């Protein structure tokens, strides 16, 4: 029997970015659904709940964080993992521990342009956490500066 492909909904208004994500995630074994606006995302989720959502923050019609709040109000979709990818974070400062908090729930967030292998890894981890259980995404702590040797 064929293995069922995981469904990822990619929400981004840029067709070039959509093609890039499609190539990346199809090669990683996902079935890719596309939405180019917040409203299109909500219609897609209402019709067929994906296994995971990759969400841009800046959309042409509504803020991606507002879309996630609306998704969370739908009983069938409120537990779907969401990962934000956005221009609102600095790529130079993106160390992999950024989160966006919405209604007390933390969501992983990455800066554009993306680091492909890191993003695929986090998508897999969030999907597995959702399917197989585990704690929700924690507020990830920034690494502590290490004290210099010989200083107290």
Protein backbone atom coordinates (compact mmCIF):
# COMPACT_ATOMS: atom_id res chain seq x y z
CA UNK A 1 0.00 0.00 0.00
CA UNK A 2 1.31 3.46 -0.91
CA UNK A 3 2.34 5.74 1.91
CA UNK A 4 0.05 8.77 2.31
CA UNK A 5 1.85 12.02 1.64
CA UNK A 6 1.68 14.69 4.32
CA UNK A 7 -0.23 17.78 3.20
CA UNK A 8 1.36 21.19 3.67
CA UNK A 9 -0.53 24.39 2.93
CA UNK A 10 1.83 27.16 1.81
CA UNK A 11 0.41 30.67 2.25
CA UNK A 12 2.36 33.34 0.40
CA UNK A 13 1.27 35.95 -2.16
CA UNK A 14 4.45 35.68 -4.25
CA UNK A 15 4.18 33.14 -7.13
CA UNK A 16 7.97 32.78 -7.35
CA UNK A 17 8.17 31.91 -3.65
CA UNK A 18 5.24 29.49 -4.08
CA UNK A 19 7.09 27.65 -6.89
CA UNK A 20 10.21 27.48 -4.73
CA UNK A 21 8.28 26.05 -1.76
CA UNK A 22 6.45 23.59 -4.03
CA UNK A 23 9.75 22.25 -5.36
CA UNK A 24 11.32 22.07 -1.88
CA UNK A 25 8.42 20.31 -0.18
CA UNK A 26 7.45 17.96 -3.01
CA UNK A 27 11.08 16.79 -3.06
CA UNK A 28 10.81 16.27 0.71
CA UNK A 29 7.71 14.06 0.24
CA UNK A 30 4.85 16.50 0.91
CA UNK A 31 1.69 17.17 -1.05
CA UNK A 32 1.64 20.95 -1.47
CA UNK A 33 -1.49 23.09 -1.43
CA UNK A 34 -1.16 26.80 -2.22
CA UNK A 35 -2.98 29.89 -0.98
CA UNK A 36 -2.10 33.41 -2.10
CA UNK A 37 -4.11 35.34 0.50
CA UNK A 38 -5.51 35.01 3.99
CA UNK A 39 -9.05 34.47 2.72
CA UNK A 40 -7.88 31.80 0.27
CA UNK A 41 -6.07 30.09 3.16
CA UNK A 42 -9.20 30.08 5.30
CA UNK A 43 -11.30 28.64 2.44
CA UNK A 44 -8.69 25.96 1.84
CA UNK A 45 -8.53 24.99 5.52
CA UNK A 46 -12.34 24.89 5.74
CA UNK A 47 -12.45 22.53 2.73
CA UNK A 48 -9.52 20.25 3.54
CA UNK A 49 -7.50 20.60 6.74
CA UNK A 50 -3.77 20.28 5.98
CA UNK A 51 -1.26 18.48 8.18
CA UNK A 52 0.85 21.61 8.55
CA UNK A 53 0.77 25.25 7.40
CA UNK A 54 3.65 27.44 6.26
CA UNK A 55 2.40 31.02 6.67
CA UNK A 56 3.73 34.37 5.48
CA UNK A 57 2.96 37.22 7.89
CA UNK A 58 2.45 39.96 5.30
CA UNK A 59 -0.42 39.01 2.98
CA UNK A 60 -2.31 41.27 0.57
CA UNK A 61 -5.62 41.13 2.43
CA UNK A 62 -4.92 40.40 6.09
CA UNK A 63 -2.03 39.82 8.49
CA UNK A 64 -0.97 36.16 8.66
CA UNK A 65 -1.21 36.28 12.46
CA UNK A 66 -4.89 37.23 12.14
CA UNK A 67 -5.39 34.27 9.79
CA UNK A 68 -3.91 31.95 12.41
CA UNK A 69 -6.29 33.36 15.04
CA UNK A 70 -9.22 32.54 12.73
CA UNK A 71 -7.84 29.06 12.05
CA UNK A 72 -7.56 28.50 15.81
CA UNK A 73 -11.27 29.31 16.17
CA UNK A 74 -12.12 26.34 13.90
CA UNK A 75 -12.34 23.18 15.99
CA UNK A 76 -11.20 20.94 13.11
CA UNK A 77 -8.06 23.00 12.45
CA UNK A 78 -6.99 24.60 15.73
CA UNK A 79 -4.26 22.05 16.42
CA UNK A 80 -2.66 22.20 12.97
CA UNK A 81 0.98 23.28 13.36
CA UNK A 82 1.80 26.63 11.76
CA UNK A 83 5.29 27.86 10.93
CA UNK A 84 5.75 31.50 9.97
CA UNK A 85 8.18 32.59 7.27
CA UNK A 86 8.43 36.34 6.95
CA UNK A 87 10.31 39.44 5.93
CA UNK A 88 9.47 40.99 9.30
CA UNK A 89 12.42 39.15 10.90
CA UNK A 90 16.00 40.03 10.10
CA UNK A 91 17.76 37.21 8.21
CA UNK A 92 21.04 38.21 9.88
CA UNK A 93 19.52 37.86 13.34
CA UNK A 94 17.55 34.65 12.61
CA UNK A 95 19.34 32.06 14.71
CA UNK A 96 16.54 29.48 14.57
CA UNK A 97 14.92 30.17 17.93
CA UNK A 98 12.47 32.91 16.95
CA UNK A 99 8.80 32.45 17.73
CA UNK A 100 5.61 34.43 17.23
CA UNK A 101 3.10 34.21 20.06
CA UNK A 102 -0.61 34.31 19.27
CA UNK A 103 -3.18 33.95 22.06
CA UNK A 104 -0.57 32.41 24.36
CA UNK A 105 0.59 29.78 21.83
CA UNK A 106 4.10 29.91 20.35
CA UNK A 107 4.75 29.34 16.66
CA UNK A 108 8.16 28.88 15.06
CA UNK A 109 9.19 31.75 12.79
CA UNK A 110 11.90 32.08 10.14
CA UNK A 111 13.24 35.03 8.19
CA UNK A 112 13.18 35.23 4.42
CA UNK A 113 15.24 34.26 2.56
CA UNK A 114 14.91 30.81 4.05
CA UNK A 115 17.53 28.29 5.01
CA UNK A 116 16.05 25.26 3.22
CA UNK A 117 17.43 22.39 5.29
CA UNK A 118 16.61 24.16 8.58
CA UNK A 119 13.05 24.87 7.43
CA UNK A 120 12.45 21.27 6.28
CA UNK A 121 13.81 20.00 9.59
CA UNK A 122 11.49 22.23 11.62
CA UNK A 123 8.48 21.35 9.44
CA UNK A 124 9.16 17.65 10.06
CA UNK A 125 9.62 18.17 13.80
CA UNK A 126 6.43 20.22 14.16
CA UNK A 127 4.47 17.69 12.09
CA UNK A 128 5.81 14.77 14.15
CA UNK A 129 5.09 16.61 17.41
CA UNK A 130 1.52 17.18 16.21
CA UNK A 131 0.93 13.59 15.02
CA UNK A 132 2.85 11.62 17.62
CA UNK A 133 2.39 13.87 20.61
CA UNK A 134 4.74 15.94 22.60
CA UNK A 135 4.73 19.35 24.17
CA UNK A 136 3.73 22.34 22.08
CA UNK A 137 6.43 24.58 20.64
CA UNK A 138 8.13 26.17 23.64
CA UNK A 139 9.27 29.74 23.82
CA UNK A 140 12.74 28.86 22.64
CA UNK A 141 15.48 30.36 24.76
CA UNK A 142 18.30 32.26 23.19
CA UNK A 143 21.70 30.69 23.86
CA UNK A 144 23.46 32.11 26.91
CA UNK A 145 26.78 33.84 26.39
CA UNK A 146 29.57 31.68 27.70
CA UNK A 147 31.77 33.33 30.33
CA UNK A 148 35.35 33.82 29.28
CA UNK A 149 37.86 31.44 30.85
CA UNK A 150 39.64 32.82 33.88
CA UNK A 151 37.11 35.57 34.56
CA UNK A 152 34.61 35.52 37.38
